[in-house]
Amino acid sequence: MLPPPRCHGNATCFEAHPRVVPVLGPAPRFNFRLGKGRFRSLGRVPCIMAAQQPLRILCLAGFRQSERGFREKTGALRKALRGRAELVCLSGPHLVANAAGVEGAGPDSGSCPPKEQPRGWWFSEQEADVFSALEEPTVCRGLEEALGTVAKALKKLGPFDGILGFSQGAALAALVCAFGQAGDARFPLPRFIILVSGFCPRGLGLKEPILQSPLSLPSLHVFGATDRVIPPQESMQLCSRFTGAITLTHSGGHFIPAAAPQRQAYLKFLDQFAE
């Protein structure tokens, strides 16, 4: 007797389920002894389909971005990766006073709810809530709190398959992975990292953990050819610190691209980590 036919269909993934979810569904059992072209069902047997749970990615916002604002900025990416990845957004621990600029909100953000207030990971001046990625800072005020915020998120909200960082968040993500590779127990190494408009952080020996030895985890580096906030050469310098790094360039500026060409590149990169 021939084996029963395979069961086809769609399966739904749930966060609480393991990576492979058994889905029980009815499949017909046939009697083929009735002659050519004729059969009848003898009953139903369970059929098991494997369904993949989306990859979980911790996403670190840029400077002057609120948690809600960053969720909106990553909306197109979230849609592009629907069913393949779950994005968990995290903004910096420090409020940015009188925030304005390409990554942030307007100057009246002080009256906004906490999730809408622009924030940063650290500041490059002692007295002012400002940050410059391209200048050697006098201080890195608030960096320890930033590292603590990420460590807490990894512990409380994890586990995560990967980390995505944008701009200042990308610099922090690279630093976190460098600490993790060096053995810092607060930062278990993820399976991969995606850095958008990234750069090597400057000041107080921040470059050394990244420059000390190549980072071995798989990485995707995304940057725009016309980015005036983080010039492409800054992103390329960070990219050079990762073994086997993959680059994804686009013609735009300082944002997270998610058009069709970039969507295909994201999916191709993430497919290697699907189980």
C-alpha atoms as a PDB file:
ATOM      1  CA  MET A   1       0.000   0.000   0.000  1.00  0.00           C
ATOM      2  CA  LEU A   2       1.247   3.512  -0.807  1.00  0.00           C
ATOM      3  CA  PRO A   3       1.916   5.846   2.155  1.00  0.00           C
ATOM      4  CA  PRO A   4      -0.752   8.458   2.924  1.00  0.00           C
ATOM      5  CA  PRO A   5      -0.287  11.805   1.149  1.00  0.00           C
ATOM      6  CA  ARG A   6       1.431  14.665   2.960  1.00  0.00           C
ATOM      7  CA  CYS A   7      -0.629  17.291   4.697  1.00  0.00           C
ATOM      8  CA  HIS A   8      -0.253  20.833   3.331  1.00  0.00           C
ATOM      9  CA  GLY A   9      -1.296  24.164   4.771  1.00  0.00           C
ATOM     10  CA  ASN A  10      -0.225  27.141   6.824  1.00  0.00           C
ATOM     11  CA  ALA A  11       0.772  27.108  10.487  1.00  0.00           C
ATOM     12  CA  THR A  12       0.733  29.970  12.958  1.00  0.00           C
ATOM     13  CA  CYS A  13       3.764  30.817  15.111  1.00  0.00           C
ATOM     14  CA  PHE A  14       3.428  31.881  18.737  1.00  0.00           C
ATOM     15  CA  GLU A  15       6.115  33.574  20.851  1.00  0.00           C
ATOM     16  CA  ALA A  16       5.819  31.092  23.701  1.00  0.00           C
ATOM     17  CA  HIS A  17       6.327  28.059  21.482  1.00  0.00           C
ATOM     18  CA  PRO A  18       9.729  26.508  20.745  1.00  0.00           C
ATOM     19  CA  ARG A  19      11.399  27.117  17.432  1.00  0.00           C
ATOM     20  CA  VAL A  20       9.638  24.157  15.789  1.00  0.00           C
ATOM     21  CA  VAL A  21       5.942  23.906  16.590  1.00  0.00           C
ATOM     22  CA  PRO A  22       4.069  20.630  15.988  1.00  0.00           C
ATOM     23  CA  VAL A  23       0.697  21.317  14.445  1.00  0.00           C
ATOM     24  CA  LEU A  24      -1.778  18.468  14.456  1.00  0.00           C
ATOM     25  CA  GLY A  25      -4.195  18.364  11.577  1.00  0.00           C
ATOM     26  CA  PRO A  26      -6.341  15.745   9.921  1.00  0.00           C
ATOM     27  CA  ALA A  27      -5.061  13.910   6.870  1.00  0.00           C
ATOM     28  CA  PRO A  28      -7.169  11.418   4.907  1.00  0.00           C
ATOM     29  CA  ARG A  29      -6.304   7.729   4.826  1.00  0.00           C
ATOM     30  CA  PHE A  30      -7.173   6.042   1.576  1.00  0.00           C
ATOM     31  CA  ASN A  31      -8.008   2.532   0.346  1.00  0.00           C
ATOM     32  CA  PHE A  32      -6.502   2.108  -3.130  1.00  0.00           C
ATOM     33  CA  ARG A  33      -7.889  -1.419  -3.699  1.00  0.00           C
ATOM     34  CA  LEU A  34     -11.131  -0.178  -5.237  1.00  0.00           C
ATOM     35  CA  GLY A  35      -9.657   0.194  -8.698  1.00  0.00           C
ATOM     36  CA  LYS A  36      -8.115   2.804 -10.911  1.00  0.00           C
ATOM     37  CA  GLY A  37      -9.336   6.301 -10.240  1.00  0.00           C
ATOM     38  CA  ARG A  38     -11.529   5.156  -7.321  1.00  0.00           C
ATOM     39  CA  PHE A  39     -10.823   5.414  -3.606  1.00  0.00           C
ATOM     40  CA  ARG A  40     -12.638   6.039  -0.389  1.00  0.00           C
ATOM     41  CA  SER A  41     -11.550   7.467   2.948  1.00  0.00           C
ATOM     42  CA  LEU A  42     -10.996   4.968   5.746  1.00  0.00           C
ATOM     43  CA  GLY A  43     -10.488   7.531   8.496  1.00  0.00           C
ATOM     44  CA  ARG A  44      -8.129  10.279   9.595  1.00  0.00           C
ATOM     45  CA  VAL A  45      -4.617  10.232  11.035  1.00  0.00           C
ATOM     46  CA  PRO A  46      -2.631  13.043  12.679  1.00  0.00           C
ATOM     47  CA  CYS A  47      -0.278  15.023  10.447  1.00  0.00           C
ATOM     48  CA  ILE A  48       2.627  17.017  11.901  1.00  0.00           C
ATOM     49  CA  MET A  49       3.844  20.214  10.239  1.00  0.00           C
ATOM     50  CA  ALA A  50       6.896  22.138  11.338  1.00  0.00           C
ATOM     51  CA  ALA A  51       6.362  25.879  11.788  1.00  0.00           C
ATOM     52  CA  GLN A  52       9.226  28.295  12.354  1.00  0.00           C
ATOM     53  CA  GLN A  53       9.074  30.874  15.096  1.00  0.00           C
ATOM     54  CA  PRO A  54      10.323  34.322  13.991  1.00  0.00           C
ATOM     55  CA  LEU A  55      13.837  35.337  14.948  1.00  0.00           C
ATOM     56  CA  ARG A  56      13.890  37.776  17.878  1.00  0.00           C
ATOM     57  CA  ILE A  57      15.977  40.914  17.358  1.00  0.00           C
ATOM     58  CA  LEU A  58      16.747  43.593  19.963  1.00  0.00           C
ATOM     59  CA  CYS A  59      16.792  46.968  18.177  1.00  0.00           C
ATOM     60  CA  LEU A  60      18.755  49.880  19.670  1.00  0.00           C
ATOM     61  CA  ALA A  61      17.501  53.321  18.681  1.00  0.00           C
ATOM     62  CA  GLY A  62      19.598  56.249  17.536  1.00  0.00           C
ATOM     63  CA  PHE A  63      20.356  59.465  19.385  1.00  0.00           C
ATOM     64  CA  ARG A  64      17.307  61.745  19.925  1.00  0.00           C
ATOM     65  CA  GLN A  65      14.898  58.901  19.193  1.00  0.00           C
ATOM     66  CA  SER A  66      12.054  57.896  21.475  1.00  0.00           C
ATOM     67  CA  GLU A  67      10.929  54.313  21.809  1.00  0.00           C
ATOM     68  CA  ARG A  68       7.674  55.046  19.986  1.00  0.00           C
ATOM     69  CA  GLY A  69       9.426  57.136  17.353  1.00  0.00           C
ATOM     70  CA  PHE A  70      11.908  54.354  16.692  1.00  0.00           C
ATOM     71  CA  ARG A  71       9.078  51.852  16.333  1.00  0.00           C
ATOM     72  CA  GLU A  72       7.554  54.125  13.709  1.00  0.00           C
ATOM     73  CA  LYS A  73      10.908  54.555  11.946  1.00  0.00           C
ATOM     74  CA  THR A  74      11.275  50.773  11.748  1.00  0.00           C
ATOM     75  CA  GLY A  75       7.681  50.227  10.620  1.00  0.00           C
ATOM     76  CA  ALA A  76       8.605  49.537   6.995  1.00  0.00           C
ATOM     77  CA  LEU A  77      11.327  47.113   8.101  1.00  0.00           C
ATOM     78  CA  ARG A  78       8.920  45.411  10.505  1.00  0.00           C
ATOM     79  CA  LYS A  79       6.466  44.924   7.647  1.00  0.00           C
ATOM     80  CA  ALA A  80       9.206  43.646   5.334  1.00  0.00           C
ATOM     81  CA  LEU A  81      10.284  41.039   7.894  1.00  0.00           C
ATOM     82  CA  ARG A  82       6.782  40.035   9.007  1.00  0.00           C
ATOM     83  CA  GLY A  83       6.697  36.371   9.913  1.00  0.00           C
ATOM     84  CA  ARG A  84      10.493  36.121   9.751  1.00  0.00           C
ATOM     85  CA  ALA A  85      11.638  38.371  12.585  1.00  0.00           C
ATOM     86  CA  GLU A  86      10.225  40.033  15.690  1.00  0.00           C
ATOM     87  CA  LEU A  87      11.724  43.471  16.389  1.00  0.00           C
ATOM     88  CA  VAL A  88      11.915  44.577  20.042  1.00  0.00           C
ATOM     89  CA  CYS A  89      12.729  48.306  20.174  1.00  0.00           C
ATOM     90  CA  LEU A  90      14.769  49.914  22.938  1.00  0.00           C
ATOM     91  CA  SER A  91      15.695  53.586  23.313  1.00  0.00           C
ATOM     92  CA  GLY A  92      18.442  55.127  25.417  1.00  0.00           C
ATOM     93  CA  PRO A  93      18.126  55.732  29.170  1.00  0.00           C
ATOM     94  CA  HIS A  94      18.817  59.485  29.058  1.00  0.00           C
ATOM     95  CA  LEU A  95      16.307  62.172  28.155  1.00  0.00           C
ATOM     96  CA  VAL A  96      17.629  64.644  25.579  1.00  0.00           C
ATOM     97  CA  ALA A  97      16.690  68.197  26.549  1.00  0.00           C
ATOM     98  CA  ASN A  98      15.512  70.499  23.751  1.00  0.00           C
ATOM     99  CA  ALA A  99      15.947  67.708  21.237  1.00  0.00           C
ATOM    100  CA  ALA A 100      15.783  68.551  17.568  1.00  0.00           C
ATOM    101  CA  GLY A 101      17.420  67.072  14.512  1.00  0.00           C
ATOM    102  CA  VAL A 102      17.214  64.368  11.931  1.00  0.00           C
ATOM    103  CA  GLU A 103      16.821  61.559  14.437  1.00  0.00           C
ATOM    104  CA  GLY A 104      14.543  63.222  16.927  1.00  0.00           C
ATOM    105  CA  ALA A 105      11.457  65.122  17.837  1.00  0.00           C
ATOM    106  CA  GLY A 106      10.770  68.789  18.370  1.00  0.00           C
ATOM    107  CA  PRO A 107      11.795  71.015  21.275  1.00  0.00           C
ATOM    108  CA  ASP A 108       8.478  70.604  23.123  1.00  0.00           C
ATOM    109  CA  SER A 109       9.033  66.928  23.834  1.00  0.00           C
ATOM    110  CA  GLY A 110       9.330  67.432  27.598  1.00  0.00           C
ATOM    111  CA  SER A 111       5.567  67.209  28.040  1.00  0.00           C
ATOM    112  CA  CYS A 112       5.292  63.958  26.048  1.00  0.00           C
ATOM    113  CA  PRO A 113       4.678  60.566  27.643  1.00  0.00           C
ATOM    114  CA  PRO A 114       7.917  58.710  28.485  1.00  0.00           C
ATOM    115  CA  LYS A 115       7.780  56.471  25.420  1.00  0.00           C
ATOM    116  CA  GLU A 116       7.514  59.549  23.185  1.00  0.00           C
ATOM    117  CA  GLN A 117      10.333  61.551  24.750  1.00  0.00           C
ATOM    118  CA  PRO A 118      13.579  61.695  22.732  1.00  0.00           C
ATOM    119  CA  ARG A 119      16.446  59.880  24.379  1.00  0.00           C
ATOM    120  CA  GLY A 120      20.108  59.105  23.934  1.00  0.00           C
ATOM    121  CA  TRP A 121      22.602  56.445  24.964  1.00  0.00           C
ATOM    122  CA  TRP A 122      25.382  58.803  26.057  1.00  0.00           C
ATOM    123  CA  PHE A 123      26.529  62.415  25.627  1.00  0.00           C
ATOM    124  CA  SER A 124      29.840  63.757  24.363  1.00  0.00           C
ATOM    125  CA  GLU A 125      29.912  66.878  26.590  1.00  0.00           C
ATOM    126  CA  GLN A 126      29.778  67.212  30.353  1.00  0.00           C
ATOM    127  CA  GLU A 127      27.312  70.097  30.610  1.00  0.00           C
ATOM    128  CA  ALA A 128      25.207  69.778  27.465  1.00  0.00           C
ATOM    129  CA  ASP A 129      22.915  66.978  26.288  1.00  0.00           C
ATOM    130  CA  VAL A 130      24.582  66.705  22.899  1.00  0.00           C
ATOM    131  CA  PHE A 131      26.388  64.035  20.962  1.00  0.00           C
ATOM    132  CA  SER A 132      28.783  64.175  18.032  1.00  0.00           C
ATOM    133  CA  ALA A 133      29.787  60.949  16.333  1.00  0.00           C
ATOM    134  CA  LEU A 134      32.560  62.530  14.280  1.00  0.00           C
ATOM    135  CA  GLU A 135      34.492  64.455  16.961  1.00  0.00           C
ATOM    136  CA  GLU A 136      36.687  63.215  19.764  1.00  0.00           C
ATOM    137  CA  PRO A 137      34.579  63.806  22.897  1.00  0.00           C
ATOM    138  CA  THR A 138      35.762  65.250  26.180  1.00  0.00           C
ATOM    139  CA  VAL A 139      33.593  62.733  28.068  1.00  0.00           C
ATOM    140  CA  CYS A 140      31.204  59.865  27.393  1.00  0.00           C
ATOM    141  CA  ARG A 141      28.642  60.878  29.976  1.00  0.00           C
ATOM    142  CA  GLY A 142      26.032  58.257  30.715  1.00  0.00           C
ATOM    143  CA  LEU A 143      27.695  55.363  28.915  1.00  0.00           C
ATOM    144  CA  GLU A 144      27.641  53.053  31.939  1.00  0.00           C
ATOM    145  CA  GLU A 145      23.901  53.578  32.306  1.00  0.00           C
ATOM    146  CA  ALA A 146      23.505  52.785  28.616  1.00  0.00           C
ATOM    147  CA  LEU A 147      25.402  49.517  28.975  1.00  0.00           C
ATOM    148  CA  GLY A 148      23.302  48.678  32.022  1.00  0.00           C
ATOM    149  CA  THR A 149      20.087  49.333  30.093  1.00  0.00           C
ATOM    150  CA  VAL A 150      21.116  46.931  27.332  1.00  0.00           C
ATOM    151  CA  ALA A 151      22.267  44.289  29.827  1.00  0.00           C
ATOM    152  CA  LYS A 152      18.918  44.513  31.628  1.00  0.00           C
ATOM    153  CA  ALA A 153      16.980  44.199  28.371  1.00  0.00           C
ATOM    154  CA  LEU A 154      18.999  41.154  27.315  1.00  0.00           C
ATOM    155  CA  LYS A 155      18.260  39.505  30.646  1.00  0.00           C
ATOM    156  CA  LYS A 156      14.613  40.513  31.111  1.00  0.00           C
ATOM    157  CA  LEU A 157      13.333  40.541  27.532  1.00  0.00           C
ATOM    158  CA  GLY A 158      15.572  37.872  25.977  1.00  0.00           C
ATOM    159  CA  PRO A 159      16.716  35.592  24.703  1.00  0.00           C
ATOM    160  CA  PHE A 160      17.417  37.296  21.387  1.00  0.00           C
ATOM    161  CA  ASP A 161      18.807  35.795  18.203  1.00  0.00           C
ATOM    162  CA  GLY A 162      20.323  39.063  17.045  1.00  0.00           C
ATOM    163  CA  ILE A 163      20.887  42.754  17.716  1.00  0.00           C
ATOM    164  CA  LEU A 164      20.116  45.615  15.336  1.00  0.00           C
ATOM    165  CA  GLY A 165      21.463  49.091  15.985  1.00  0.00           C
ATOM    166  CA  PHE A 166      20.871  52.402  14.239  1.00  0.00           C
ATOM    167  CA  SER A 167      23.426  55.242  14.324  1.00  0.00           C
ATOM    168  CA  GLN A 168      24.471  55.754  17.984  1.00  0.00           C
ATOM    169  CA  GLY A 169      22.588  52.529  18.745  1.00  0.00           C
ATOM    170  CA  ALA A 170      24.728  50.746  16.147  1.00  0.00           C
ATOM    171  CA  ALA A 171      27.938  51.993  17.778  1.00  0.00           C
ATOM    172  CA  LEU A 172      26.631  50.771  21.135  1.00  0.00           C
ATOM    173  CA  ALA A 173      25.614  47.405  19.646  1.00  0.00           C
ATOM    174  CA  ALA A 174      29.134  46.900  18.280  1.00  0.00           C
ATOM    175  CA  LEU A 175      30.631  47.852  21.642  1.00  0.00           C
ATOM    176  CA  VAL A 176      28.317  45.440  23.477  1.00  0.00           C
ATOM    177  CA  CYS A 177      29.355  42.594  21.167  1.00  0.00           C
ATOM    178  CA  ALA A 178      33.037  43.457  21.637  1.00  0.00           C
ATOM    179  CA  PHE A 179      32.576  43.249  25.408  1.00  0.00           C
ATOM    180  CA  GLY A 180      30.682  39.986  24.997  1.00  0.00           C
ATOM    181  CA  GLN A 181      33.412  38.459  22.855  1.00  0.00           C
ATOM    182  CA  ALA A 182      35.958  39.519  25.481  1.00  0.00           C
ATOM    183  CA  GLY A 183      34.037  37.521  28.093  1.00  0.00           C
ATOM    184  CA  ASP A 184      31.727  40.090  29.735  1.00  0.00           C
ATOM    185  CA  ALA A 185      28.941  37.902  31.161  1.00  0.00           C
ATOM    186  CA  ARG A 186      26.411  40.754  30.925  1.00  0.00           C
ATOM    187  CA  PHE A 187      26.480  40.537  27.148  1.00  0.00           C
ATOM    188  CA  PRO A 188      26.072  37.023  25.741  1.00  0.00           C
ATOM    189  CA  LEU A 189      27.003  37.073  22.081  1.00  0.00           C
ATOM    190  CA  PRO A 190      24.020  37.022  19.736  1.00  0.00           C
ATOM    191  CA  ARG A 191      23.933  34.847  16.646  1.00  0.00           C
ATOM    192  CA  PHE A 192      24.197  37.897  14.384  1.00  0.00           C
ATOM    193  CA  ILE A 193      24.248  41.684  14.331  1.00  0.00           C
ATOM    194  CA  ILE A 194      22.796  44.249  11.905  1.00  0.00           C
ATOM    195  CA  LEU A 195      24.332  47.742  12.007  1.00  0.00           C
ATOM    196  CA  VAL A 196      22.620  50.605  10.164  1.00  0.00           C
ATOM    197  CA  SER A 197      24.578  53.853   9.747  1.00  0.00           C
ATOM    198  CA  GLY A 198      27.075  52.538  12.263  1.00  0.00           C
ATOM    199  CA  PHE A 199      30.447  53.948  13.332  1.00  0.00           C
ATOM    200  CA  CYS A 200      33.266  53.165  15.751  1.00  0.00           C
ATOM    201  CA  PRO A 201      32.547  55.017  19.013  1.00  0.00           C
ATOM    202  CA  ARG A 202      35.103  57.621  19.987  1.00  0.00           C
ATOM    203  CA  GLY A 203      36.512  58.676  23.352  1.00  0.00           C
ATOM    204  CA  LEU A 204      37.766  57.193  26.622  1.00  0.00           C
ATOM    205  CA  GLY A 205      39.151  54.067  25.019  1.00  0.00           C
ATOM    206  CA  LEU A 206      35.844  53.075  23.424  1.00  0.00           C
ATOM    207  CA  LYS A 207      37.509  52.150  20.143  1.00  0.00           C
ATOM    208  CA  GLU A 208      39.980  49.779  21.744  1.00  0.00           C
ATOM    209  CA  PRO A 209      37.530  46.936  22.530  1.00  0.00           C
ATOM    210  CA  ILE A 210      36.417  46.988  18.891  1.00  0.00           C
ATOM    211  CA  LEU A 211      39.861  47.497  17.348  1.00  0.00           C
ATOM    212  CA  GLN A 212      41.623  45.046  19.663  1.00  0.00           C
ATOM    213  CA  SER A 213      40.605  41.948  17.724  1.00  0.00           C
ATOM    214  CA  PRO A 214      38.213  41.205  14.849  1.00  0.00           C
ATOM    215  CA  LEU A 215      34.638  40.478  15.883  1.00  0.00           C
ATOM    216  CA  SER A 216      33.714  36.998  14.763  1.00  0.00           C
ATOM    217  CA  LEU A 217      29.909  37.027  14.726  1.00  0.00           C
ATOM    218  CA  PRO A 218      28.036  37.301  11.388  1.00  0.00           C
ATOM    219  CA  SER A 219      27.229  40.912  10.563  1.00  0.00           C
ATOM    220  CA  LEU A 220      25.248  42.959   8.041  1.00  0.00           C
ATOM    221  CA  HIS A 221      26.263  46.610   7.630  1.00  0.00           C
ATOM    222  CA  VAL A 222      23.731  48.975   6.045  1.00  0.00           C
ATOM    223  CA  PHE A 223      24.542  52.562   5.094  1.00  0.00           C
ATOM    224  CA  GLY A 224      23.547  55.271   2.634  1.00  0.00           C
ATOM    225  CA  ALA A 225      25.795  56.780  -0.018  1.00  0.00           C
ATOM    226  CA  THR A 226      24.471  60.271   0.765  1.00  0.00           C
ATOM    227  CA  ASP A 227      24.361  59.989   4.569  1.00  0.00           C
ATOM    228  CA  ARG A 228      25.607  63.333   5.929  1.00  0.00           C
ATOM    229  CA  VAL A 229      25.167  62.438   9.598  1.00  0.00           C
ATOM    230  CA  ILE A 230      27.316  59.293   9.511  1.00  0.00           C
ATOM    231  CA  PRO A 231      29.412  59.374   6.300  1.00  0.00           C
ATOM    232  CA  PRO A 232      29.841  56.009   4.544  1.00  0.00           C
ATOM    233  CA  GLN A 233      33.541  55.820   5.405  1.00  0.00           C
ATOM    234  CA  GLU A 234      32.636  55.752   9.097  1.00  0.00           C
ATOM    235  CA  SER A 235      30.380  52.748   8.544  1.00  0.00           C
ATOM    236  CA  MET A 236      33.044  51.060   6.434  1.00  0.00           C
ATOM    237  CA  GLN A 237      35.601  51.462   9.215  1.00  0.00           C
ATOM    238  CA  LEU A 238      33.265  49.678  11.624  1.00  0.00           C
ATOM    239  CA  CYS A 239      32.493  47.047   8.999  1.00  0.00           C
ATOM    240  CA  SER A 240      36.210  46.248   8.667  1.00  0.00           C
ATOM    241  CA  ARG A 241      36.294  45.072  12.295  1.00  0.00           C
ATOM    242  CA  PHE A 242      33.962  42.135  11.596  1.00  0.00           C
ATOM    243  CA  THR A 243      35.114  38.880  10.038  1.00  0.00           C
ATOM    244  CA  GLY A 244      33.174  38.038   6.885  1.00  0.00           C
ATOM    245  CA  ALA A 245      31.062  41.183   7.096  1.00  0.00           C
ATOM    246  CA  ILE A 246      28.308  41.745   4.519  1.00  0.00           C
ATOM    247  CA  THR A 247      27.535  45.266   3.310  1.00  0.00           C
ATOM    248  CA  LEU A 248      24.250  46.637   2.011  1.00  0.00           C
ATOM    249  CA  THR A 249      24.435  50.115   0.509  1.00  0.00           C
ATOM    250  CA  HIS A 250      21.621  52.305  -0.727  1.00  0.00           C
ATOM    251  CA  SER A 251      21.458  55.668  -2.475  1.00  0.00           C
ATOM    252  CA  GLY A 252      19.706  57.475   0.386  1.00  0.00           C
ATOM    253  CA  GLY A 253      20.796  59.142   3.596  1.00  0.00           C
ATOM    254  CA  HIS A 254      20.421  58.608   7.330  1.00  0.00           C
ATOM    255  CA  PHE A 255      17.579  56.116   7.722  1.00  0.00           C
ATOM    256  CA  ILE A 256      16.778  52.402   7.837  1.00  0.00           C
ATOM    257  CA  PRO A 257      15.963  51.355   4.256  1.00  0.00           C
ATOM    258  CA  ALA A 258      13.294  48.726   3.643  1.00  0.00           C
ATOM    259  CA  ALA A 259      12.418  48.908  -0.060  1.00  0.00           C
ATOM    260  CA  ALA A 260      12.226  45.735  -2.143  1.00  0.00           C
ATOM    261  CA  PRO A 261      15.992  45.415  -2.857  1.00  0.00           C
ATOM    262  CA  GLN A 262      16.890  45.879   0.812  1.00  0.00           C
ATOM    263  CA  ARG A 263      14.097  43.524   1.913  1.00  0.00           C
ATOM    264  CA  GLN A 264      15.596  40.736  -0.191  1.00  0.00           C
ATOM    265  CA  ALA A 265      19.042  41.391   1.295  1.00  0.00           C
ATOM    266  CA  TYR A 266      17.689  41.312   4.861  1.00  0.00           C
ATOM    267  CA  LEU A 267      15.823  38.067   4.227  1.00  0.00           C
ATOM    268  CA  LYS A 268      18.817  36.430   2.566  1.00  0.00           C
ATOM    269  CA  PHE A 269      20.993  37.354   5.548  1.00  0.00           C
ATOM    270  CA  LEU A 270      18.420  36.175   8.122  1.00  0.00           C
ATOM    271  CA  ASP A 271      17.574  32.921   6.324  1.00  0.00           C
ATOM    272  CA  GLN A 272      20.902  31.409   7.392  1.00  0.00           C
ATOM    273  CA  PHE A 273      19.761  31.593  11.024  1.00  0.00           C
ATOM    274  CA  ALA A 274      16.297  30.109  10.524  1.00  0.00           C
ATOM    275  CA  GLU A 275      15.817  26.639  11.998  1.00  0.00           C
END
